[in-house]
């Protein structure tokens, strides 16, 4: 095995050891949860805005 291959394997093992730390795993879990929560909030807000626009359009139609 060449020196470059050994260096590559050593750095890969170090990277894997660092990536499997509890904080890193927690971040990998928290980030998708935050995106899912943000998506849910935005969907609810979008539906509320759409319903308000339909209501206001109906009110204007009744006015004229």
C-alpha atoms as a PDB file:
ATOM      1  CA  UNK A   1       0.000   0.000   0.000  1.00  0.00           C
ATOM      2  CA  UNK A   2       1.398   3.365  -0.942  1.00  0.00           C
ATOM      3  CA  UNK A   3       1.896   6.270   1.425  1.00  0.00           C
ATOM      4  CA  UNK A   4      -0.897   8.210  -0.263  1.00  0.00           C
ATOM      5  CA  UNK A   5      -3.379   5.377   0.236  1.00  0.00           C
ATOM      6  CA  UNK A   6      -2.452   5.041   3.916  1.00  0.00           C
ATOM      7  CA  UNK A   7      -2.818   8.790   4.412  1.00  0.00           C
ATOM      8  CA  UNK A   8      -6.188   8.710   2.682  1.00  0.00           C
ATOM      9  CA  UNK A   9      -7.445   5.861   4.890  1.00  0.00           C
ATOM     10  CA  UNK A  10      -6.140   7.601   8.006  1.00  0.00           C
ATOM     11  CA  UNK A  11      -7.939  10.830   7.165  1.00  0.00           C
ATOM     12  CA  UNK A  12     -11.120   8.898   6.351  1.00  0.00           C
ATOM     13  CA  UNK A  13     -11.039   7.184   9.757  1.00  0.00           C
ATOM     14  CA  UNK A  14     -10.447  10.520  11.492  1.00  0.00           C
ATOM     15  CA  UNK A  15     -13.335  12.093   9.581  1.00  0.00           C
ATOM     16  CA  UNK A  16     -15.657   9.202  10.450  1.00  0.00           C
ATOM     17  CA  UNK A  17     -14.654   9.376  14.106  1.00  0.00           C
ATOM     18  CA  UNK A  18     -15.406  13.122  14.154  1.00  0.00           C
ATOM     19  CA  UNK A  19     -18.687  12.696  12.255  1.00  0.00           C
ATOM     20  CA  UNK A  20     -20.045  10.137  14.720  1.00  0.00           C
ATOM     21  CA  UNK A  21     -19.784  12.436  17.721  1.00  0.00           C
ATOM     22  CA  UNK A  22     -23.104  12.984  19.577  1.00  0.00           C
ATOM     23  CA  UNK A  23     -23.259  16.706  18.761  1.00  0.00           C
ATOM     24  CA  UNK A  24     -22.903  16.035  15.041  1.00  0.00           C
ATOM     25  CA  UNK A  25     -25.612  13.375  15.125  1.00  0.00           C
ATOM     26  CA  UNK A  26     -27.873  15.744  17.056  1.00  0.00           C
ATOM     27  CA  UNK A  27     -27.375  18.462  14.446  1.00  0.00           C
ATOM     28  CA  UNK A  28     -28.170  16.001  11.668  1.00  0.00           C
ATOM     29  CA  UNK A  29     -31.434  15.206  13.437  1.00  0.00           C
ATOM     30  CA  UNK A  30     -32.380  18.769  14.391  1.00  0.00           C
ATOM     31  CA  UNK A  31     -31.888  20.397  10.982  1.00  0.00           C
ATOM     32  CA  UNK A  32     -34.574  18.329   9.151  1.00  0.00           C
ATOM     33  CA  UNK A  33     -36.946  18.742  12.109  1.00  0.00           C
ATOM     34  CA  UNK A  34     -36.558  22.525  11.935  1.00  0.00           C
ATOM     35  CA  UNK A  35     -37.161  22.537   8.167  1.00  0.00           C
ATOM     36  CA  UNK A  36     -40.266  20.369   8.627  1.00  0.00           C
ATOM     37  CA  UNK A  37     -41.610  22.719  11.310  1.00  0.00           C
ATOM     38  CA  UNK A  38     -40.943  25.759   9.130  1.00  0.00           C
ATOM     39  CA  UNK A  39     -42.680  24.084   6.195  1.00  0.00           C
ATOM     40  CA  UNK A  40     -45.715  23.260   8.332  1.00  0.00           C
ATOM     41  CA  UNK A  41     -45.939  26.836   9.615  1.00  0.00           C
ATOM     42  CA  UNK A  42     -45.679  28.239   6.091  1.00  0.00           C
ATOM     43  CA  UNK A  43     -48.368  25.877   4.768  1.00  0.00           C
ATOM     44  CA  UNK A  44     -50.754  26.907   7.544  1.00  0.00           C
ATOM     45  CA  UNK A  45     -50.042  30.582   6.894  1.00  0.00           C
ATOM     46  CA  UNK A  46     -50.522  30.120   3.150  1.00  0.00           C
ATOM     47  CA  UNK A  47     -53.898  28.449   3.701  1.00  0.00           C
ATOM     48  CA  UNK A  48     -54.969  31.188   6.097  1.00  0.00           C
ATOM     49  CA  UNK A  49     -53.972  33.887   3.606  1.00  0.00           C
ATOM     50  CA  UNK A  50     -55.813  32.136   0.785  1.00  0.00           C
ATOM     51  CA  UNK A  51     -58.960  31.753   2.899  1.00  0.00           C
ATOM     52  CA  UNK A  52     -58.793  35.446   3.834  1.00  0.00           C
ATOM     53  CA  UNK A  53     -58.471  36.433   0.173  1.00  0.00           C
ATOM     54  CA  UNK A  54     -61.479  34.299  -0.784  1.00  0.00           C
ATOM     55  CA  UNK A  55     -63.499  35.822   2.071  1.00  0.00           C
ATOM     56  CA  UNK A  56     -62.548  39.348   1.067  1.00  0.00           C
ATOM     57  CA  UNK A  57     -63.367  38.613  -2.578  1.00  0.00           C
ATOM     58  CA  UNK A  58     -66.778  37.325  -1.556  1.00  0.00           C
ATOM     59  CA  UNK A  59     -67.391  40.417   0.542  1.00  0.00           C
ATOM     60  CA  UNK A  60     -66.482  42.682  -2.382  1.00  0.00           C
ATOM     61  CA  UNK A  61     -68.753  40.708  -4.718  1.00  0.00           C
ATOM     62  CA  UNK A  62     -71.655  41.160  -2.296  1.00  0.00           C
ATOM     63  CA  UNK A  63     -70.896  44.871  -1.953  1.00  0.00           C
ATOM     64  CA  UNK A  64     -71.312  45.540  -5.664  1.00  0.00           C
END
